[in-house]
Amino acid sequence: MVDTTPLTRAVDHFADRLRAAPQSRLQRGAAAEALGLARQLARWAQELEEPGVEPREMPDAGMFAAADQITVAAHDLAVVIPADADVDEAVRLVEEAQKRAGV
């Protein structure tokens, strides 16, 4: 069984930082960065669950929903992620997105 704890911790930390961020920070790109990550993680999970099927794109639900969107996408991925190396890659993606978001 794959231990996805590092992924859920990383994404929960990023989501908490987004929720605590001022609106101005979200508007300056933090929310867009989070949405990009959420879409990437959701696409990855869909490709694992339904290989060969065109992934659906996560909609933009607004800057105040970005934290919830990355949380949902990461937790969906955590359910289907096949290997520890994939968890490490997902954690790296989350940490890099958080740095770019500046939160």
C-alpha atoms as a PDB file:
ATOM      1  CA  MET A   1       0.000   0.000   0.000  1.00  0.00           C
ATOM      2  CA  VAL A   2       1.225   3.449  -0.933  1.00  0.00           C
ATOM      3  CA  ASP A   3       1.657   5.979   1.887  1.00  0.00           C
ATOM      4  CA  THR A   4       0.066   9.193   0.641  1.00  0.00           C
ATOM      5  CA  THR A   5       0.456  11.049   3.935  1.00  0.00           C
ATOM      6  CA  PRO A   6       3.234  13.313   2.593  1.00  0.00           C
ATOM      7  CA  LEU A   7       0.982  14.404  -0.271  1.00  0.00           C
ATOM      8  CA  THR A   8      -2.034  15.149   1.896  1.00  0.00           C
ATOM      9  CA  ARG A   9       0.148  17.042   4.381  1.00  0.00           C
ATOM     10  CA  ALA A  10       1.764  19.141   1.656  1.00  0.00           C
ATOM     11  CA  VAL A  11      -1.511  20.021  -0.018  1.00  0.00           C
ATOM     12  CA  ASP A  12      -3.288  20.710   3.279  1.00  0.00           C
ATOM     13  CA  HIS A  13      -0.460  23.096   4.203  1.00  0.00           C
ATOM     14  CA  PHE A  14      -0.724  24.885   0.849  1.00  0.00           C
ATOM     15  CA  ALA A  15      -4.509  25.090   1.158  1.00  0.00           C
ATOM     16  CA  ASP A  16      -4.256  26.526   4.676  1.00  0.00           C
ATOM     17  CA  ARG A  17      -1.814  29.165   3.430  1.00  0.00           C
ATOM     18  CA  LEU A  18      -4.179  30.085   0.603  1.00  0.00           C
ATOM     19  CA  ARG A  19      -7.110  30.397   3.009  1.00  0.00           C
ATOM     20  CA  ALA A  20      -5.055  32.713   5.225  1.00  0.00           C
ATOM     21  CA  ALA A  21      -3.740  34.815   2.327  1.00  0.00           C
ATOM     22  CA  PRO A  22      -5.134  38.291   1.742  1.00  0.00           C
ATOM     23  CA  GLN A  23      -7.347  38.811  -1.277  1.00  0.00           C
ATOM     24  CA  SER A  24      -4.649  40.919  -2.915  1.00  0.00           C
ATOM     25  CA  ARG A  25      -2.223  37.971  -2.831  1.00  0.00           C
ATOM     26  CA  LEU A  26      -4.833  35.674  -4.342  1.00  0.00           C
ATOM     27  CA  GLN A  27      -5.487  38.224  -7.093  1.00  0.00           C
ATOM     28  CA  ARG A  28      -1.773  38.616  -7.837  1.00  0.00           C
ATOM     29  CA  GLY A  29      -1.525  35.016  -8.936  1.00  0.00           C
ATOM     30  CA  ALA A  30      -1.690  32.719  -5.929  1.00  0.00           C
ATOM     31  CA  ALA A  31      -5.197  31.555  -6.800  1.00  0.00           C
ATOM     32  CA  ALA A  32      -4.306  31.046 -10.463  1.00  0.00           C
ATOM     33  CA  GLU A  33      -1.259  29.010  -9.449  1.00  0.00           C
ATOM     34  CA  ALA A  34      -3.421  26.867  -7.175  1.00  0.00           C
ATOM     35  CA  LEU A  35      -6.002  26.328  -9.913  1.00  0.00           C
ATOM     36  CA  GLY A  36      -3.248  25.258 -12.296  1.00  0.00           C
ATOM     37  CA  LEU A  37      -2.023  22.723  -9.732  1.00  0.00           C
ATOM     38  CA  ALA A  38      -5.551  21.482  -9.051  1.00  0.00           C
ATOM     39  CA  ARG A  39      -6.112  20.940 -12.764  1.00  0.00           C
ATOM     40  CA  GLN A  40      -2.794  19.112 -13.108  1.00  0.00           C
ATOM     41  CA  LEU A  41      -3.495  16.799 -10.157  1.00  0.00           C
ATOM     42  CA  ALA A  42      -7.083  16.171 -11.288  1.00  0.00           C
ATOM     43  CA  ARG A  43      -5.913  15.319 -14.805  1.00  0.00           C
ATOM     44  CA  TRP A  44      -3.309  12.908 -13.371  1.00  0.00           C
ATOM     45  CA  ALA A  45      -5.933  11.163 -11.219  1.00  0.00           C
ATOM     46  CA  GLN A  46      -8.346  10.871 -14.138  1.00  0.00           C
ATOM     47  CA  GLU A  47      -5.641   9.389 -16.376  1.00  0.00           C
ATOM     48  CA  LEU A  48      -4.928   6.753 -13.715  1.00  0.00           C
ATOM     49  CA  GLU A  49      -8.605   5.961 -13.196  1.00  0.00           C
ATOM     50  CA  GLU A  50      -9.672   6.016 -16.835  1.00  0.00           C
ATOM     51  CA  PRO A  51      -6.709   5.445 -19.155  1.00  0.00           C
ATOM     52  CA  GLY A  52      -7.410   6.409 -22.732  1.00  0.00           C
ATOM     53  CA  VAL A  53     -10.342   8.663 -21.815  1.00  0.00           C
ATOM     54  CA  GLU A  54      -9.956  12.398 -22.400  1.00  0.00           C
ATOM     55  CA  PRO A  55      -9.665  14.027 -18.933  1.00  0.00           C
ATOM     56  CA  ARG A  56     -12.225  16.650 -17.994  1.00  0.00           C
ATOM     57  CA  GLU A  57     -10.851  20.050 -16.982  1.00  0.00           C
ATOM     58  CA  MET A  58     -11.530  21.286 -13.491  1.00  0.00           C
ATOM     59  CA  PRO A  59     -13.525  24.524 -13.813  1.00  0.00           C
ATOM     60  CA  ASP A  60     -12.406  27.836 -12.398  1.00  0.00           C
ATOM     61  CA  ALA A  61     -14.633  28.241  -9.341  1.00  0.00           C
ATOM     62  CA  GLY A  62     -13.082  31.571  -8.349  1.00  0.00           C
ATOM     63  CA  MET A  63     -10.124  32.624  -6.282  1.00  0.00           C
ATOM     64  CA  PHE A  64     -11.751  31.847  -2.944  1.00  0.00           C
ATOM     65  CA  ALA A  65     -12.342  28.224  -3.982  1.00  0.00           C
ATOM     66  CA  ALA A  66      -8.743  27.545  -5.042  1.00  0.00           C
ATOM     67  CA  ALA A  67      -7.755  26.047  -1.677  1.00  0.00           C
ATOM     68  CA  ASP A  68     -10.677  23.644  -1.795  1.00  0.00           C
ATOM     69  CA  GLN A  69      -9.935  22.728  -5.393  1.00  0.00           C
ATOM     70  CA  ILE A  70      -6.340  21.704  -4.709  1.00  0.00           C
ATOM     71  CA  THR A  71      -7.488  19.764  -1.661  1.00  0.00           C
ATOM     72  CA  VAL A  72     -10.114  17.813  -3.590  1.00  0.00           C
ATOM     73  CA  ALA A  73      -7.782  17.133  -6.529  1.00  0.00           C
ATOM     74  CA  ALA A  74      -4.934  15.949  -4.309  1.00  0.00           C
ATOM     75  CA  HIS A  75      -7.156  13.724  -2.204  1.00  0.00           C
ATOM     76  CA  ASP A  76      -8.651  12.204  -5.374  1.00  0.00           C
ATOM     77  CA  LEU A  77      -5.135  11.533  -6.643  1.00  0.00           C
ATOM     78  CA  ALA A  78      -4.103  10.043  -3.298  1.00  0.00           C
ATOM     79  CA  VAL A  79      -6.814   7.398  -3.647  1.00  0.00           C
ATOM     80  CA  VAL A  80      -5.465   6.104  -6.978  1.00  0.00           C
ATOM     81  CA  ILE A  81      -1.756   6.937  -6.950  1.00  0.00           C
ATOM     82  CA  PRO A  82       0.165   3.739  -7.704  1.00  0.00           C
ATOM     83  CA  ALA A  83       3.626   4.135  -6.184  1.00  0.00           C
ATOM     84  CA  ASP A  84       5.687   5.950  -3.582  1.00  0.00           C
ATOM     85  CA  ALA A  85       7.741   7.574  -6.339  1.00  0.00           C
ATOM     86  CA  ASP A  86       4.527   9.093  -7.693  1.00  0.00           C
ATOM     87  CA  VAL A  87       3.722  10.458  -4.239  1.00  0.00           C
ATOM     88  CA  ASP A  88       7.164  12.075  -4.151  1.00  0.00           C
ATOM     89  CA  GLU A  89       6.517  13.645  -7.575  1.00  0.00           C
ATOM     90  CA  ALA A  90       3.111  14.938  -6.472  1.00  0.00           C
ATOM     91  CA  VAL A  91       4.614  16.456  -3.314  1.00  0.00           C
ATOM     92  CA  ARG A  92       7.266  18.152  -5.446  1.00  0.00           C
ATOM     93  CA  LEU A  93       4.558  19.629  -7.693  1.00  0.00           C
ATOM     94  CA  VAL A  94       2.644  20.942  -4.668  1.00  0.00           C
ATOM     95  CA  GLU A  95       5.736  22.479  -3.068  1.00  0.00           C
ATOM     96  CA  GLU A  96       6.811  24.142  -6.317  1.00  0.00           C
ATOM     97  CA  ALA A  97       3.332  25.568  -6.893  1.00  0.00           C
ATOM     98  CA  GLN A  98       3.249  26.916  -3.352  1.00  0.00           C
ATOM     99  CA  LYS A  99       6.584  28.659  -3.879  1.00  0.00           C
ATOM    100  CA  ARG A 100       5.388  30.206  -7.140  1.00  0.00           C
ATOM    101  CA  ALA A 101       2.160  31.281  -5.416  1.00  0.00           C
ATOM    102  CA  GLY A 102       4.171  33.073  -2.737  1.00  0.00           C
ATOM    103  CA  VAL A 103       2.171  31.789   0.201  1.00  0.00           C
END
